[in-house]
Amino acid sequence: MIKYQLNNRREIYERAFQETWFQTVPLKTWTLEEANLFLDEMKKDKPHYYLVYLLAIFTGMRRGEILVLKWKYLSVRRG
């Protein structure tokens, strides 16, 4: 029963992509220069958000992951 349901689901997803039920949108990513320009502006205009954006851009962390960070999670010795 479970195997049938998984196979059926897989077939539905495959058909959806073949018939373009899902639209793929190309992502625009920043160059290093664009990211640094953005961070420079943040540092000037909203310095209290600078570290949040720095973490997001250079580590790939998401908002929720950044917001739950605590100093006790940071280990300077381990890097």
PDB file of N, CA and C in Angstrom:
ATOM      1  N   MET A   1       0.823  -1.195   0.000  1.00  0.00           N
ATOM      2  CA  MET A   1       0.000   0.000   0.000  1.00  0.00           C
ATOM      3  C   MET A   1       0.868   1.261   0.000  1.00  0.00           C
ATOM      4  N   ILE A   2       1.837   1.307   0.900  1.00  0.00           N
ATOM      5  CA  ILE A   2       2.712   2.483   0.981  1.00  0.00           C
ATOM      6  C   ILE A   2       3.541   2.608  -0.289  1.00  0.00           C
ATOM      7  N   LYS A   3       4.057   1.490  -0.779  1.00  0.00           N
ATOM      8  CA  LYS A   3       4.858   1.515  -1.998  1.00  0.00           C
ATOM      9  C   LYS A   3       4.027   2.044  -3.166  1.00  0.00           C
ATOM     10  N   TYR A   4       2.772   1.639  -3.253  1.00  0.00           N
ATOM     11  CA  TYR A   4       1.883   2.116  -4.308  1.00  0.00           C
ATOM     12  C   TYR A   4       1.694   3.627  -4.207  1.00  0.00           C
ATOM     13  N   GLN A   5       1.473   4.116  -2.983  1.00  0.00           N
ATOM     14  CA  GLN A   5       1.254   5.551  -2.782  1.00  0.00           C
ATOM     15  C   GLN A   5       2.495   6.354  -3.159  1.00  0.00           C
ATOM     16  N   LEU A   6       3.679   5.844  -2.803  1.00  0.00           N
ATOM     17  CA  LEU A   6       4.916   6.547  -3.145  1.00  0.00           C
ATOM     18  C   LEU A   6       5.132   6.574  -4.652  1.00  0.00           C
ATOM     19  N   ASN A   7       4.895   5.444  -5.316  1.00  0.00           N
ATOM     20  CA  ASN A   7       5.032   5.390  -6.771  1.00  0.00           C
ATOM     21  C   ASN A   7       4.039   6.331  -7.439  1.00  0.00           C
ATOM     22  N   ASN A   8       2.818   6.354  -6.953  1.00  0.00           N
ATOM     23  CA  ASN A   8       1.790   7.219  -7.505  1.00  0.00           C
ATOM     24  C   ASN A   8       2.182   8.688  -7.354  1.00  0.00           C
ATOM     25  N   ARG A   9       2.694   9.050  -6.195  1.00  0.00           N
ATOM     26  CA  ARG A   9       3.137  10.421  -5.941  1.00  0.00           C
ATOM     27  C   ARG A   9       4.273  10.809  -6.880  1.00  0.00           C
ATOM     28  N   ARG A  10       5.206   9.900  -7.059  1.00  0.00           N
ATOM     29  CA  ARG A  10       6.343  10.152  -7.944  1.00  0.00           C
ATOM     30  C   ARG A  10       5.863  10.394  -9.378  1.00  0.00           C
ATOM     31  N   GLU A  11       4.912   9.582  -9.823  1.00  0.00           N
ATOM     32  CA  GLU A  11       4.364   9.743 -11.169  1.00  0.00           C
ATOM     33  C   GLU A  11       3.672  11.099 -11.334  1.00  0.00           C
ATOM     34  N   ILE A  12       2.964  11.519 -10.312  1.00  0.00           N
ATOM     35  CA  ILE A  12       2.285  12.824 -10.362  1.00  0.00           C
ATOM     36  C   ILE A  12       3.305  13.950 -10.474  1.00  0.00           C
ATOM     37  N   TYR A  13       4.369  13.904  -9.664  1.00  0.00           N
ATOM     38  CA  TYR A  13       5.398  14.945  -9.723  1.00  0.00           C
ATOM     39  C   TYR A  13       6.098  14.955 -11.081  1.00  0.00           C
ATOM     40  N   GLU A  14       6.420  13.779 -11.581  1.00  0.00           N
ATOM     41  CA  GLU A  14       7.083  13.709 -12.882  1.00  0.00           C
ATOM     42  C   GLU A  14       6.200  14.292 -13.975  1.00  0.00           C
ATOM     43  N   ARG A  15       4.929  13.949 -13.960  1.00  0.00           N
ATOM     44  CA  ARG A  15       4.002  14.487 -14.958  1.00  0.00           C
ATOM     45  C   ARG A  15       3.861  15.997 -14.820  1.00  0.00           C
ATOM     46  N   ALA A  16       3.826  16.479 -13.584  1.00  0.00           N
ATOM     47  CA  ALA A  16       3.689  17.919 -13.353  1.00  0.00           C
ATOM     48  C   ALA A  16       4.855  18.682 -13.967  1.00  0.00           C
ATOM     49  N   PHE A  17       6.055  18.172 -13.817  1.00  0.00           N
ATOM     50  CA  PHE A  17       7.216  18.862 -14.384  1.00  0.00           C
ATOM     51  C   PHE A  17       7.275  18.717 -15.901  1.00  0.00           C
ATOM     52  N   GLN A  18       6.859  17.575 -16.420  1.00  0.00           N
ATOM     53  CA  GLN A  18       6.850  17.379 -17.873  1.00  0.00           C
ATOM     54  C   GLN A  18       5.854  18.312 -18.548  1.00  0.00           C
ATOM     55  N   GLU A  19       4.727  18.534 -17.912  1.00  0.00           N
ATOM     56  CA  GLU A  19       3.692  19.378 -18.500  1.00  0.00           C
ATOM     57  C   GLU A  19       3.790  20.820 -18.023  1.00  0.00           C
ATOM     58  N   THR A  20       4.884  21.150 -17.407  1.00  0.00           N
ATOM     59  CA  THR A  20       5.173  22.505 -16.886  1.00  0.00           C
ATOM     60  C   THR A  20       4.049  23.056 -16.015  1.00  0.00           C
ATOM     61  N   TRP A  21       3.535  22.213 -15.129  1.00  0.00           N
ATOM     62  CA  TRP A  21       2.593  22.720 -14.140  1.00  0.00           C
ATOM     63  C   TRP A  21       3.310  23.681 -13.200  1.00  0.00           C
ATOM     64  N   PHE A  22       4.586  23.416 -13.012  1.00  0.00           N
ATOM     65  CA  PHE A  22       5.405  24.284 -12.179  1.00  0.00           C
ATOM     66  C   PHE A  22       6.243  25.156 -13.090  1.00  0.00           C
ATOM     67  N   GLN A  23       6.241  26.422 -12.836  1.00  0.00           N
ATOM     68  CA  GLN A  23       7.063  27.333 -13.622  1.00  0.00           C
ATOM     69  C   GLN A  23       8.413  27.484 -12.929  1.00  0.00           C
ATOM     70  N   THR A  24       9.465  27.342 -13.682  1.00  0.00           N
ATOM     71  CA  THR A  24      10.792  27.562 -13.107  1.00  0.00           C
ATOM     72  C   THR A  24      11.185  29.003 -13.376  1.00  0.00           C
ATOM     73  N   VAL A  25      11.649  29.654 -12.338  1.00  0.00           N
ATOM     74  CA  VAL A  25      12.048  31.051 -12.428  1.00  0.00           C
ATOM     75  C   VAL A  25      13.546  31.118 -12.179  1.00  0.00           C
ATOM     76  N   PRO A  26      14.286  31.673 -13.112  1.00  0.00           N
ATOM     77  CA  PRO A  26      15.733  31.776 -12.886  1.00  0.00           C
ATOM     78  C   PRO A  26      16.027  32.719 -11.708  1.00  0.00           C
ATOM     79  N   LEU A  27      16.944  32.291 -10.866  1.00  0.00           N
ATOM     80  CA  LEU A  27      17.312  33.099  -9.710  1.00  0.00           C
ATOM     81  C   LEU A  27      18.401  34.092 -10.078  1.00  0.00           C
ATOM     82  N   LYS A  28      18.290  35.276  -9.532  1.00  0.00           N
ATOM     83  CA  LYS A  28      19.322  36.292  -9.712  1.00  0.00           C
ATOM     84  C   LYS A  28      20.134  36.321  -8.430  1.00  0.00           C
ATOM     85  N   THR A  29      21.374  35.940  -8.511  1.00  0.00           N
ATOM     86  CA  THR A  29      22.237  36.003  -7.328  1.00  0.00           C
ATOM     87  C   THR A  29      23.183  37.178  -7.461  1.00  0.00           C
ATOM     88  N   TRP A  30      23.581  37.705  -6.326  1.00  0.00           N
ATOM     89  CA  TRP A  30      24.491  38.842  -6.312  1.00  0.00           C
ATOM     90  C   TRP A  30      25.916  38.390  -6.570  1.00  0.00           C
ATOM     91  N   THR A  31      26.671  39.257  -7.198  1.00  0.00           N
ATOM     92  CA  THR A  31      28.107  39.036  -7.294  1.00  0.00           C
ATOM     93  C   THR A  31      28.709  39.434  -5.955  1.00  0.00           C
ATOM     94  N   LEU A  32      29.966  39.105  -5.750  1.00  0.00           N
ATOM     95  CA  LEU A  32      30.641  39.501  -4.511  1.00  0.00           C
ATOM     96  C   LEU A  32      30.664  41.016  -4.380  1.00  0.00           C
ATOM     97  N   GLU A  33      30.872  41.686  -5.501  1.00  0.00           N
ATOM     98  CA  GLU A  33      30.893  43.161  -5.494  1.00  0.00           C
ATOM     99  C   GLU A  33      29.534  43.727  -5.083  1.00  0.00           C
ATOM    100  N   GLU A  34      28.446  43.169  -5.615  1.00  0.00           N
ATOM    101  CA  GLU A  34      27.104  43.636  -5.255  1.00  0.00           C
ATOM    102  C   GLU A  34      26.801  43.375  -3.778  1.00  0.00           C
ATOM    103  N   ALA A  35      27.206  42.209  -3.286  1.00  0.00           N
ATOM    104  CA  ALA A  35      26.975  41.881  -1.878  1.00  0.00           C
ATOM    105  C   ALA A  35      27.739  42.839  -0.971  1.00  0.00           C
ATOM    106  N   ASN A  36      28.989  43.125  -1.316  1.00  0.00           N
ATOM    107  CA  ASN A  36      29.779  44.053  -0.503  1.00  0.00           C
ATOM    108  C   ASN A  36      29.228  45.475  -0.560  1.00  0.00           C
ATOM    109  N   LEU A  37      28.722  45.890  -1.710  1.00  0.00           N
ATOM    110  CA  LEU A  37      28.104  47.213  -1.836  1.00  0.00           C
ATOM    111  C   LEU A  37      26.870  47.299  -0.946  1.00  0.00           C
ATOM    112  N   PHE A  38      26.048  46.252  -0.963  1.00  0.00           N
ATOM    113  CA  PHE A  38      24.869  46.203  -0.106  1.00  0.00           C
ATOM    114  C   PHE A  38      25.260  46.272   1.363  1.00  0.00           C
ATOM    115  N   LEU A  39      26.278  45.501   1.758  1.00  0.00           N
ATOM    116  CA  LEU A  39      26.712  45.493   3.158  1.00  0.00           C
ATOM    117  C   LEU A  39      27.278  46.846   3.579  1.00  0.00           C
ATOM    118  N   ASP A  40      27.995  47.506   2.679  1.00  0.00           N
ATOM    119  CA  ASP A  40      28.511  48.840   2.991  1.00  0.00           C
ATOM    120  C   ASP A  40      27.368  49.820   3.260  1.00  0.00           C
ATOM    121  N   GLU A  41      26.328  49.748   2.440  1.00  0.00           N
ATOM    122  CA  GLU A  41      25.170  50.626   2.643  1.00  0.00           C
ATOM    123  C   GLU A  41      24.451  50.288   3.948  1.00  0.00           C
ATOM    124  N   MET A  42      24.330  49.015   4.254  1.00  0.00           N
ATOM    125  CA  MET A  42      23.698  48.607   5.506  1.00  0.00           C
ATOM    126  C   MET A  42      24.484  49.117   6.710  1.00  0.00           C
ATOM    127  N   LYS A  43      25.804  49.044   6.586  1.00  0.00           N
ATOM    128  CA  LYS A  43      26.662  49.493   7.694  1.00  0.00           C
ATOM    129  C   LYS A  43      26.444  50.977   7.967  1.00  0.00           C
ATOM    130  N   LYS A  44      26.218  51.752   6.899  1.00  0.00           N
ATOM    131  CA  LYS A  44      25.987  53.196   7.059  1.00  0.00           C
ATOM    132  C   LYS A  44      24.573  53.499   7.546  1.00  0.00           C
ATOM    133  N   ASP A  45      23.584  52.914   6.888  1.00  0.00           N
ATOM    134  CA  ASP A  45      22.188  53.276   7.148  1.00  0.00           C
ATOM    135  C   ASP A  45      21.561  52.536   8.324  1.00  0.00           C
ATOM    136  N   LYS A  46      21.841  51.247   8.455  1.00  0.00           N
ATOM    137  CA  LYS A  46      21.232  50.433   9.514  1.00  0.00           C
ATOM    138  C   LYS A  46      22.289  49.522  10.126  1.00  0.00           C
ATOM    139  N   PRO A  47      23.205  50.101  10.887  1.00  0.00           N
ATOM    140  CA  PRO A  47      24.314  49.299  11.418  1.00  0.00           C
ATOM    141  C   PRO A  47      23.865  48.153  12.331  1.00  0.00           C
ATOM    142  N   HIS A  48      22.694  48.285  12.959  1.00  0.00           N
ATOM    143  CA  HIS A  48      22.220  47.216  13.846  1.00  0.00           C
ATOM    144  C   HIS A  48      21.782  45.975  13.060  1.00  0.00           C
ATOM    145  N   TYR A  49      21.547  46.095  11.755  1.00  0.00           N
ATOM    146  CA  TYR A  49      21.201  44.943  10.924  1.00  0.00           C
ATOM    147  C   TYR A  49      22.392  44.385  10.146  1.00  0.00           C
ATOM    148  N   TYR A  50      23.489  45.067  10.210  1.00  0.00           N
ATOM    149  CA  TYR A  50      24.654  44.692   9.399  1.00  0.00           C
ATOM    150  C   TYR A  50      25.077  43.232   9.609  1.00  0.00           C
ATOM    151  N   LEU A  51      25.230  42.811  10.860  1.00  0.00           N
ATOM    152  CA  LEU A  51      25.679  41.447  11.136  1.00  0.00           C
ATOM    153  C   LEU A  51      24.663  40.402  10.695  1.00  0.00           C
ATOM    154  N   VAL A  52      23.399  40.729  10.784  1.00  0.00           N
ATOM    155  CA  VAL A  52      22.363  39.799  10.343  1.00  0.00           C
ATOM    156  C   VAL A  52      22.509  39.542   8.847  1.00  0.00           C
ATOM    157  N   TYR A  53      22.658  40.622   8.074  1.00  0.00           N
ATOM    158  CA  TYR A  53      22.812  40.469   6.630  1.00  0.00           C
ATOM    159  C   TYR A  53      24.145  39.814   6.272  1.00  0.00           C
ATOM    160  N   LEU A  54      25.173  40.129   7.013  1.00  0.00           N
ATOM    161  CA  LEU A  54      26.484  39.527   6.779  1.00  0.00           C
ATOM    162  C   LEU A  54      26.407  38.003   6.940  1.00  0.00           C
ATOM    163  N   LEU A  55      25.772  37.568   8.022  1.00  0.00           N
ATOM    164  CA  LEU A  55      25.597  36.129   8.246  1.00  0.00           C
ATOM    165  C   LEU A  55      24.765  35.488   7.140  1.00  0.00           C
ATOM    166  N   ALA A  56      23.696  36.144   6.763  1.00  0.00           N
ATOM    167  CA  ALA A  56      22.813  35.581   5.737  1.00  0.00           C
ATOM    168  C   ALA A  56      23.530  35.440   4.400  1.00  0.00           C
ATOM    169  N   ILE A  57      24.259  36.457   4.018  1.00  0.00           N
ATOM    170  CA  ILE A  57      24.904  36.450   2.701  1.00  0.00           C
ATOM    171  C   ILE A  57      26.070  35.475   2.642  1.00  0.00           C
ATOM    172  N   PHE A  58      26.921  35.470   3.634  1.00  0.00           N
ATOM    173  CA  PHE A  58      28.149  34.685   3.541  1.00  0.00           C
ATOM    174  C   PHE A  58      28.074  33.283   4.136  1.00  0.00           C
ATOM    175  N   THR A  59      26.997  32.973   4.869  1.00  0.00           N
ATOM    176  CA  THR A  59      26.863  31.609   5.390  1.00  0.00           C
ATOM    177  C   THR A  59      25.685  30.875   4.769  1.00  0.00           C
ATOM    178  N   GLY A  60      24.755  31.620   4.165  1.00  0.00           N
ATOM    179  CA  GLY A  60      23.563  30.993   3.607  1.00  0.00           C
ATOM    180  C   GLY A  60      22.503  30.706   4.659  1.00  0.00           C
ATOM    181  N   MET A  61      22.716  31.199   5.878  1.00  0.00           N
ATOM    182  CA  MET A  61      21.726  30.975   6.926  1.00  0.00           C
ATOM    183  C   MET A  61      20.445  31.729   6.597  1.00  0.00           C
ATOM    184  N   ARG A  62      19.329  31.140   6.997  1.00  0.00           N
ATOM    185  CA  ARG A  62      18.039  31.775   6.785  1.00  0.00           C
ATOM    186  C   ARG A  62      17.674  32.616   7.998  1.00  0.00           C
ATOM    187  N   ARG A  63      16.651  33.446   7.831  1.00  0.00           N
ATOM    188  CA  ARG A  63      16.243  34.379   8.886  1.00  0.00           C
ATOM    189  C   ARG A  63      15.981  33.663  10.206  1.00  0.00           C
ATOM    190  N   GLY A  64      15.217  32.592  10.166  1.00  0.00           N
ATOM    191  CA  GLY A  64      14.894  31.867  11.393  1.00  0.00           C
ATOM    192  C   GLY A  64      16.126  31.309  12.085  1.00  0.00           C
ATOM    193  N   GLU A  65      17.086  30.832  11.310  1.00  0.00           N
ATOM    194  CA  GLU A  65      18.321  30.288  11.877  1.00  0.00           C
ATOM    195  C   GLU A  65      19.148  31.393  12.542  1.00  0.00           C
ATOM    196  N   ILE A  66      19.170  32.551  11.927  1.00  0.00           N
ATOM    197  CA  ILE A  66      19.934  33.676  12.489  1.00  0.00           C
ATOM    198  C   ILE A  66      19.273  34.187  13.762  1.00  0.00           C
ATOM    199  N   LEU A  67      17.947  34.285  13.748  1.00  0.00           N
ATOM    200  CA  LEU A  67      17.232  34.857  14.893  1.00  0.00           C
ATOM    201  C   LEU A  67      17.308  34.002  16.151  1.00  0.00           C
ATOM    202  N   VAL A  68      17.559  32.704  16.018  1.00  0.00           N
ATOM    203  CA  VAL A  68      17.650  31.857  17.215  1.00  0.00           C
ATOM    204  C   VAL A  68      19.084  31.713  17.718  1.00  0.00           C
ATOM    205  N   LEU A  69      20.032  32.352  17.047  1.00  0.00           N
ATOM    206  CA  LEU A  69      21.421  32.269  17.506  1.00  0.00           C
ATOM    207  C   LEU A  69      21.589  32.915  18.876  1.00  0.00           C
ATOM    208  N   LYS A  70      22.435  32.303  19.683  1.00  0.00           N
ATOM    209  CA  LYS A  70      22.778  32.857  21.002  1.00  0.00           C
ATOM    210  C   LYS A  70      24.295  32.839  21.119  1.00  0.00           C
ATOM    211  N   TRP A  71      24.832  33.729  21.943  1.00  0.00           N
ATOM    212  CA  TRP A  71      26.280  33.814  22.095  1.00  0.00           C
ATOM    213  C   TRP A  71      26.879  32.498  22.572  1.00  0.00           C
ATOM    214  N   LYS A  72      26.115  31.721  23.356  1.00  0.00           N
ATOM    215  CA  LYS A  72      26.655  30.459  23.874  1.00  0.00           C
ATOM    216  C   LYS A  72      26.894  29.444  22.747  1.00  0.00           C
ATOM    217  N   TYR A  73      26.267  29.653  21.583  1.00  0.00           N
ATOM    218  CA  TYR A  73      26.484  28.757  20.445  1.00  0.00           C
ATOM    219  C   TYR A  73      27.777  29.068  19.701  1.00  0.00           C
ATOM    220  N   LEU A  74      28.381  30.191  19.978  1.00  0.00           N
ATOM    221  CA  LEU A  74      29.576  30.636  19.275  1.00  0.00           C
ATOM    222  C   LEU A  74      30.826  30.125  19.984  1.00  0.00           C
ATOM    223  N   SER A  75      31.715  29.524  19.229  1.00  0.00           N
ATOM    224  CA  SER A  75      32.975  29.062  19.770  1.00  0.00           C
ATOM    225  C   SER A  75      34.113  29.704  18.976  1.00  0.00           C
ATOM    226  N   VAL A  76      34.730  30.691  19.564  1.00  0.00           N
ATOM    227  CA  VAL A  76      35.810  31.394  18.884  1.00  0.00           C
ATOM    228  C   VAL A  76      37.040  30.491  18.757  1.00  0.00           C
ATOM    229  N   ARG A  77      37.238  29.636  19.720  1.00  0.00           N
ATOM    230  CA  ARG A  77      38.404  28.739  19.704  1.00  0.00           C
ATOM    231  C   ARG A  77      38.327  27.717  18.567  1.00  0.00           C
ATOM    232  N   ARG A  78      37.107  27.197  18.310  1.00  0.00           N
ATOM    233  CA  ARG A  78      36.952  26.208  17.248  1.00  0.00           C
ATOM    234  C   ARG A  78      36.830  26.839  15.868  1.00  0.00           C
ATOM    235  N   GLY A  79      36.574  28.128  15.812  1.00  0.00           N
ATOM    236  CA  GLY A  79      36.481  28.810  14.534  1.00  0.00           C
ATOM    237  C   GLY A  79      35.182  28.835  13.977  1.00  0.00           C
TER     238      GLY A  79
END
